[in-house]
Amino acid sequence: MVGYILLIVIHEFFHLLGFRIFCHVPWKNVAYGVNLKMGVAYATADQLMDNKGIRKALLLPFWMTGVLPAVLALYFNDGVLLLLGAMLIGGAAGDFAMYKELKKFPDHAMVKDDPELPKLYVYPVE
């Protein structure tokens, strides 16, 4: 259970890192926390980001906290790590759902992350 909670925290950190690397959002413009009402951890940015960059930021945690631990678990024959990786892969379902919706828009469209809900607002750029 502790490993799962730790990986959730790291998962959200990788969203922040993705916002920084792929969307060039300054650290001062990102936020991270837990919404106890909804029972979820979150990472958000308070500025517009390009669609191509935010799609990368959405999937970065999947690779780093899901796939990488699962691959390492298979290599080291570690059942607990494999279970944690599998749980985090499944936990990225919401990220994949948002990614799928964002694929409908051009790469250069601008996206605003809702600071309170798992929702994105897309502003097409002409």
N, C-alpha and C. Protein backbone atom coordinates (compact mmCIF):
# COMPACT_ATOMS: atom_id res chain seq x y z
N MET A 1 0.82 -1.19 0.00
CA MET A 1 0.00 0.00 0.00
C MET A 1 0.87 1.26 0.00
N VAL A 2 1.93 1.23 0.79
CA VAL A 2 2.84 2.38 0.85
C VAL A 2 3.49 2.61 -0.51
N GLY A 3 3.90 1.52 -1.17
CA GLY A 3 4.50 1.64 -2.50
C GLY A 3 3.55 2.24 -3.50
N TYR A 4 2.27 1.86 -3.42
CA TYR A 4 1.27 2.39 -4.35
C TYR A 4 1.07 3.89 -4.12
N ILE A 5 0.97 4.29 -2.88
CA ILE A 5 0.80 5.72 -2.57
C ILE A 5 2.03 6.50 -3.04
N LEU A 6 3.20 5.96 -2.79
CA LEU A 6 4.42 6.61 -3.23
C LEU A 6 4.45 6.76 -4.75
N LEU A 7 4.06 5.71 -5.47
CA LEU A 7 4.05 5.79 -6.93
C LEU A 7 3.00 6.76 -7.44
N ILE A 8 1.89 6.91 -6.74
CA ILE A 8 0.88 7.91 -7.14
C ILE A 8 1.47 9.32 -7.00
N VAL A 9 2.17 9.56 -5.91
CA VAL A 9 2.82 10.86 -5.71
C VAL A 9 3.83 11.11 -6.83
N ILE A 10 4.63 10.09 -7.13
CA ILE A 10 5.63 10.23 -8.20
C ILE A 10 4.94 10.40 -9.55
N HIS A 11 3.83 9.70 -9.76
CA HIS A 11 3.04 9.83 -11.00
C HIS A 11 2.68 11.30 -11.22
N GLU A 12 2.14 11.93 -10.21
CA GLU A 12 1.74 13.34 -10.34
C GLU A 12 2.95 14.24 -10.54
N PHE A 13 4.06 13.93 -9.88
CA PHE A 13 5.28 14.70 -10.09
C PHE A 13 5.70 14.65 -11.56
N PHE A 14 5.58 13.48 -12.19
CA PHE A 14 5.96 13.37 -13.59
C PHE A 14 5.05 14.20 -14.49
N HIS A 15 3.79 14.40 -14.11
CA HIS A 15 2.96 15.34 -14.87
C HIS A 15 3.57 16.74 -14.78
N LEU A 16 3.95 17.15 -13.58
CA LEU A 16 4.57 18.47 -13.41
C LEU A 16 5.85 18.58 -14.23
N LEU A 17 6.66 17.55 -14.19
CA LEU A 17 7.90 17.55 -14.95
C LEU A 17 7.60 17.64 -16.45
N GLY A 18 6.56 16.94 -16.88
CA GLY A 18 6.14 17.01 -18.29
C GLY A 18 5.68 18.41 -18.67
N PHE A 19 4.93 19.07 -17.78
CA PHE A 19 4.52 20.45 -18.05
C PHE A 19 5.75 21.34 -18.22
N ARG A 20 6.75 21.10 -17.39
CA ARG A 20 7.98 21.91 -17.43
C ARG A 20 8.78 21.62 -18.69
N ILE A 21 9.00 20.35 -18.99
CA ILE A 21 9.86 19.97 -20.12
C ILE A 21 9.17 20.19 -21.47
N PHE A 22 7.95 19.69 -21.62
CA PHE A 22 7.30 19.69 -22.92
C PHE A 22 6.48 20.95 -23.20
N CYS A 23 6.04 21.65 -22.15
CA CYS A 23 5.20 22.83 -22.33
C CYS A 23 5.89 24.11 -21.86
N HIS A 24 7.09 23.98 -21.33
CA HIS A 24 7.90 25.13 -20.88
C HIS A 24 7.18 25.97 -19.83
N VAL A 25 6.46 25.32 -18.93
CA VAL A 25 5.77 26.01 -17.85
C VAL A 25 6.76 26.21 -16.70
N PRO A 26 6.93 27.44 -16.22
CA PRO A 26 7.84 27.66 -15.08
C PRO A 26 7.33 26.93 -13.84
N TRP A 27 8.26 26.52 -12.98
CA TRP A 27 7.88 25.81 -11.75
C TRP A 27 6.89 26.61 -10.93
N LYS A 28 6.99 27.94 -10.94
CA LYS A 28 6.09 28.75 -10.12
C LYS A 28 4.64 28.70 -10.63
N ASN A 29 4.43 28.19 -11.85
CA ASN A 29 3.08 28.14 -12.42
C ASN A 29 2.45 26.75 -12.37
N VAL A 30 3.05 25.83 -11.61
CA VAL A 30 2.47 24.50 -11.47
C VAL A 30 2.05 24.29 -10.01
N ALA A 31 1.07 23.43 -9.82
CA ALA A 31 0.59 23.12 -8.47
C ALA A 31 0.38 21.61 -8.39
N TYR A 32 0.41 21.14 -7.16
CA TYR A 32 0.37 19.70 -6.92
C TYR A 32 -0.34 19.50 -5.58
N GLY A 33 -1.18 18.50 -5.48
CA GLY A 33 -1.83 18.25 -4.21
C GLY A 33 -2.77 17.07 -4.26
N VAL A 34 -3.65 17.02 -3.27
CA VAL A 34 -4.63 15.95 -3.14
C VAL A 34 -6.00 16.58 -2.95
N ASN A 35 -6.96 16.13 -3.73
CA ASN A 35 -8.34 16.56 -3.56
C ASN A 35 -9.03 15.47 -2.75
N LEU A 36 -9.19 15.71 -1.45
CA LEU A 36 -9.76 14.69 -0.57
C LEU A 36 -11.22 14.40 -0.89
N LYS A 37 -11.96 15.41 -1.34
CA LYS A 37 -13.37 15.19 -1.71
C LYS A 37 -13.50 14.16 -2.83
N MET A 38 -12.63 14.30 -3.84
CA MET A 38 -12.67 13.39 -4.99
C MET A 38 -11.81 12.16 -4.77
N GLY A 39 -10.92 12.21 -3.78
CA GLY A 39 -10.04 11.09 -3.50
C GLY A 39 -8.96 10.89 -4.54
N VAL A 40 -8.46 12.01 -5.09
CA VAL A 40 -7.43 11.91 -6.13
C VAL A 40 -6.29 12.87 -5.86
N ALA A 41 -5.11 12.49 -6.31
CA ALA A 41 -3.98 13.40 -6.33
C ALA A 41 -4.04 14.13 -7.67
N TYR A 42 -3.47 15.33 -7.72
CA TYR A 42 -3.51 16.08 -8.97
C TYR A 42 -2.25 16.89 -9.17
N ALA A 43 -2.00 17.21 -10.43
CA ALA A 43 -0.95 18.13 -10.84
C ALA A 43 -1.59 19.04 -11.87
N THR A 44 -1.33 20.33 -11.78
CA THR A 44 -1.96 21.27 -12.69
C THR A 44 -1.01 22.42 -13.00
N ALA A 45 -1.30 23.14 -14.06
CA ALA A 45 -0.55 24.33 -14.43
C ALA A 45 -1.56 25.45 -14.67
N ASP A 46 -1.17 26.66 -14.31
CA ASP A 46 -2.12 27.77 -14.42
C ASP A 46 -1.91 28.64 -15.66
N GLN A 47 -1.42 28.01 -16.72
CA GLN A 47 -1.24 28.77 -17.96
C GLN A 47 -1.60 27.89 -19.15
N LEU A 48 -1.80 28.51 -20.29
CA LEU A 48 -2.08 27.78 -21.51
C LEU A 48 -0.85 26.98 -21.93
N MET A 49 -1.11 25.79 -22.45
CA MET A 49 -0.03 24.92 -22.94
C MET A 49 -0.42 24.42 -24.32
N ASP A 50 0.58 24.14 -25.17
CA ASP A 50 0.24 23.64 -26.50
C ASP A 50 -0.18 22.17 -26.41
N ASN A 51 -1.08 21.80 -27.30
CA ASN A 51 -1.68 20.47 -27.30
C ASN A 51 -0.63 19.37 -27.42
N LYS A 52 0.33 19.56 -28.29
CA LYS A 52 1.35 18.54 -28.48
C LYS A 52 2.13 18.30 -27.19
N GLY A 53 2.49 19.36 -26.50
CA GLY A 53 3.25 19.24 -25.26
C GLY A 53 2.45 18.62 -24.14
N ILE A 54 1.19 19.04 -23.99
CA ILE A 54 0.39 18.50 -22.89
C ILE A 54 0.09 17.02 -23.10
N ARG A 55 -0.03 16.59 -24.36
CA ARG A 55 -0.23 15.16 -24.60
C ARG A 55 0.99 14.36 -24.12
N LYS A 56 2.17 14.88 -24.36
CA LYS A 56 3.38 14.21 -23.86
C LYS A 56 3.40 14.21 -22.34
N ALA A 57 3.01 15.34 -21.74
CA ALA A 57 3.00 15.44 -20.27
C ALA A 57 1.98 14.48 -19.66
N LEU A 58 0.88 14.24 -20.37
CA LEU A 58 -0.14 13.31 -19.87
C LEU A 58 0.40 11.87 -19.81
N LEU A 59 1.22 11.48 -20.77
CA LEU A 59 1.68 10.09 -20.83
C LEU A 59 3.01 9.83 -20.15
N LEU A 60 3.75 10.88 -19.79
CA LEU A 60 5.05 10.67 -19.14
C LEU A 60 4.93 9.81 -17.88
N PRO A 61 3.95 10.05 -16.99
CA PRO A 61 3.84 9.19 -15.80
C PRO A 61 3.53 7.73 -16.12
N PHE A 62 2.78 7.48 -17.17
CA PHE A 62 2.48 6.11 -17.58
C PHE A 62 3.78 5.35 -17.84
N TRP A 63 4.68 5.98 -18.57
CA TRP A 63 5.94 5.33 -18.89
C TRP A 63 6.84 5.20 -17.67
N MET A 64 6.91 6.25 -16.85
CA MET A 64 7.88 6.28 -15.75
C MET A 64 7.41 5.53 -14.50
N THR A 65 6.12 5.55 -14.20
CA THR A 65 5.64 4.89 -12.98
C THR A 65 4.86 3.61 -13.25
N GLY A 66 4.58 3.33 -14.51
CA GLY A 66 3.86 2.12 -14.85
C GLY A 66 4.73 1.14 -15.61
N VAL A 67 5.11 1.53 -16.81
CA VAL A 67 5.87 0.63 -17.68
C VAL A 67 7.27 0.36 -17.14
N LEU A 68 7.99 1.41 -16.75
CA LEU A 68 9.36 1.21 -16.26
C LEU A 68 9.41 0.28 -15.04
N PRO A 69 8.58 0.50 -14.00
CA PRO A 69 8.60 -0.44 -12.88
C PRO A 69 8.21 -1.87 -13.29
N ALA A 70 7.27 -1.99 -14.23
CA ALA A 70 6.86 -3.33 -14.67
C ALA A 70 8.01 -4.04 -15.39
N VAL A 71 8.71 -3.32 -16.23
CA VAL A 71 9.85 -3.91 -16.94
C VAL A 71 10.95 -4.30 -15.95
N LEU A 72 11.23 -3.39 -15.00
CA LEU A 72 12.24 -3.70 -13.99
C LEU A 72 11.81 -4.90 -13.14
N ALA A 73 10.53 -4.98 -12.83
CA ALA A 73 10.02 -6.10 -12.04
C ALA A 73 10.21 -7.42 -12.78
N LEU A 74 9.96 -7.41 -14.08
CA LEU A 74 10.17 -8.63 -14.86
C LEU A 74 11.64 -9.00 -14.91
N TYR A 75 12.49 -8.01 -15.05
CA TYR A 75 13.93 -8.26 -15.09
C TYR A 75 14.44 -8.83 -13.76
N PHE A 76 13.99 -8.22 -12.64
CA PHE A 76 14.45 -8.64 -11.32
C PHE A 76 13.56 -9.71 -10.67
N ASN A 77 12.53 -10.15 -11.40
CA ASN A 77 11.61 -11.16 -10.90
C ASN A 77 11.00 -10.73 -9.56
N ASP A 78 10.46 -9.52 -9.55
CA ASP A 78 9.90 -8.92 -8.33
C ASP A 78 8.38 -8.79 -8.49
N GLY A 79 7.64 -9.68 -7.87
CA GLY A 79 6.18 -9.70 -7.99
C GLY A 79 5.50 -8.46 -7.43
N VAL A 80 6.00 -7.93 -6.32
CA VAL A 80 5.39 -6.74 -5.71
C VAL A 80 5.55 -5.55 -6.63
N LEU A 81 6.74 -5.35 -7.18
CA LEU A 81 6.97 -4.23 -8.09
C LEU A 81 6.14 -4.39 -9.36
N LEU A 82 5.99 -5.62 -9.81
CA LEU A 82 5.16 -5.88 -11.00
C LEU A 82 3.71 -5.51 -10.72
N LEU A 83 3.21 -5.86 -9.55
CA LEU A 83 1.84 -5.50 -9.18
C LEU A 83 1.68 -3.98 -9.11
N LEU A 84 2.65 -3.30 -8.51
CA LEU A 84 2.59 -1.84 -8.43
C LEU A 84 2.60 -1.21 -9.82
N GLY A 85 3.49 -1.69 -10.68
CA GLY A 85 3.54 -1.18 -12.05
C GLY A 85 2.23 -1.39 -12.78
N ALA A 86 1.64 -2.58 -12.61
CA ALA A 86 0.36 -2.87 -13.26
C ALA A 86 -0.74 -1.96 -12.74
N MET A 87 -0.74 -1.70 -11.44
CA MET A 87 -1.76 -0.82 -10.87
C MET A 87 -1.61 0.60 -11.40
N LEU A 88 -0.37 1.07 -11.56
CA LEU A 88 -0.15 2.41 -12.09
C LEU A 88 -0.43 2.49 -13.58
N ILE A 89 -0.22 1.41 -14.30
CA ILE A 89 -0.61 1.38 -15.72
C ILE A 89 -2.12 1.54 -15.81
N GLY A 90 -2.85 0.78 -14.99
CA GLY A 90 -4.31 0.92 -14.96
C GLY A 90 -4.74 2.29 -14.48
N GLY A 91 -3.97 2.86 -13.55
CA GLY A 91 -4.30 4.18 -13.03
C GLY A 91 -4.12 5.29 -14.04
N ALA A 92 -3.43 5.01 -15.14
CA ALA A 92 -3.24 6.02 -16.19
C ALA A 92 -4.39 6.05 -17.18
N ALA A 93 -5.45 5.30 -16.90
CA ALA A 93 -6.60 5.26 -17.83
C ALA A 93 -7.18 6.64 -18.08
N GLY A 94 -7.29 7.44 -17.04
CA GLY A 94 -7.81 8.80 -17.20
C GLY A 94 -6.91 9.66 -18.07
N ASP A 95 -5.61 9.47 -17.92
CA ASP A 95 -4.66 10.22 -18.75
C ASP A 95 -4.82 9.82 -20.22
N PHE A 96 -5.02 8.52 -20.47
CA PHE A 96 -5.22 8.07 -21.85
C PHE A 96 -6.54 8.59 -22.42
N ALA A 97 -7.56 8.68 -21.59
CA ALA A 97 -8.84 9.21 -22.06
C ALA A 97 -8.69 10.67 -22.48
N MET A 98 -7.96 11.46 -21.67
CA MET A 98 -7.73 12.86 -22.04
C MET A 98 -6.86 12.95 -23.29
N TYR A 99 -5.84 12.10 -23.37
CA TYR A 99 -4.96 12.07 -24.54
C TYR A 99 -5.78 11.81 -25.80
N LYS A 100 -6.66 10.83 -25.73
CA LYS A 100 -7.49 10.46 -26.89
C LYS A 100 -8.33 11.64 -27.35
N GLU A 101 -8.92 12.36 -26.41
CA GLU A 101 -9.74 13.52 -26.78
C GLU A 101 -8.89 14.65 -27.37
N LEU A 102 -7.69 14.84 -26.83
CA LEU A 102 -6.82 15.91 -27.33
C LEU A 102 -6.29 15.61 -28.73
N LYS A 103 -6.20 14.31 -29.10
CA LYS A 103 -5.73 13.94 -30.45
C LYS A 103 -6.66 14.47 -31.54
N LYS A 104 -7.88 14.84 -31.18
CA LYS A 104 -8.85 15.36 -32.15
C LYS A 104 -8.54 16.79 -32.57
N PHE A 105 -7.63 17.44 -31.84
CA PHE A 105 -7.31 18.84 -32.09
C PHE A 105 -5.90 18.97 -32.65
N PRO A 106 -5.63 20.06 -33.38
CA PRO A 106 -4.28 20.26 -33.92
C PRO A 106 -3.22 20.38 -32.82
N ASP A 107 -2.00 20.03 -33.17
CA ASP A 107 -0.88 20.10 -32.21
C ASP A 107 -0.71 21.49 -31.64
N HIS A 108 -0.97 22.52 -32.43
CA HIS A 108 -0.74 23.90 -31.99
C HIS A 108 -1.92 24.51 -31.22
N ALA A 109 -3.01 23.75 -31.05
CA ALA A 109 -4.12 24.27 -30.24
C ALA A 109 -3.62 24.50 -28.82
N MET A 110 -4.22 25.46 -28.15
CA MET A 110 -3.81 25.76 -26.78
C MET A 110 -4.77 25.09 -25.80
N VAL A 111 -4.23 24.58 -24.70
CA VAL A 111 -5.01 23.81 -23.73
C VAL A 111 -4.83 24.43 -22.35
N LYS A 112 -5.93 24.56 -21.64
CA LYS A 112 -5.90 25.06 -20.25
C LYS A 112 -6.39 23.94 -19.36
N ASP A 113 -5.64 23.67 -18.33
CA ASP A 113 -5.98 22.63 -17.36
C ASP A 113 -6.90 23.24 -16.30
N ASP A 114 -7.98 22.56 -15.98
CA ASP A 114 -8.86 23.02 -14.90
C ASP A 114 -8.15 22.78 -13.57
N PRO A 115 -8.06 23.80 -12.71
CA PRO A 115 -7.33 23.64 -11.45
C PRO A 115 -8.02 22.77 -10.42
N GLU A 116 -9.31 22.48 -10.60
CA GLU A 116 -10.04 21.73 -9.59
C GLU A 116 -10.62 20.41 -10.08
N LEU A 117 -10.87 20.29 -11.35
CA LEU A 117 -11.49 19.07 -11.90
C LEU A 117 -10.57 18.42 -12.92
N PRO A 118 -10.71 17.12 -13.13
CA PRO A 118 -9.92 16.48 -14.19
C PRO A 118 -10.54 16.81 -15.55
N LYS A 119 -10.31 18.04 -15.98
CA LYS A 119 -10.94 18.55 -17.19
C LYS A 119 -9.96 19.49 -17.89
N LEU A 120 -9.97 19.45 -19.22
CA LEU A 120 -9.13 20.32 -20.02
C LEU A 120 -9.99 21.16 -20.92
N TYR A 121 -9.57 22.39 -21.17
CA TYR A 121 -10.27 23.30 -22.09
C TYR A 121 -9.35 23.54 -23.27
N VAL A 122 -9.88 23.32 -24.47
CA VAL A 122 -9.07 23.45 -25.69
C VAL A 122 -9.49 24.70 -26.45
N TYR A 123 -8.49 25.50 -26.83
CA TYR A 123 -8.71 26.72 -27.58
C TYR A 123 -7.97 26.59 -28.90
N PRO A 124 -8.72 26.28 -29.99
CA PRO A 124 -8.06 26.16 -31.30
C PRO A 124 -7.41 27.48 -31.70
N VAL A 125 -6.23 27.42 -32.25
CA VAL A 125 -5.50 28.59 -32.72
C VAL A 125 -5.53 28.57 -34.23
N GLU A 126 -5.86 29.68 -34.82
CA GLU A 126 -5.95 29.75 -36.28
C GLU A 126 -4.73 30.39 -36.86
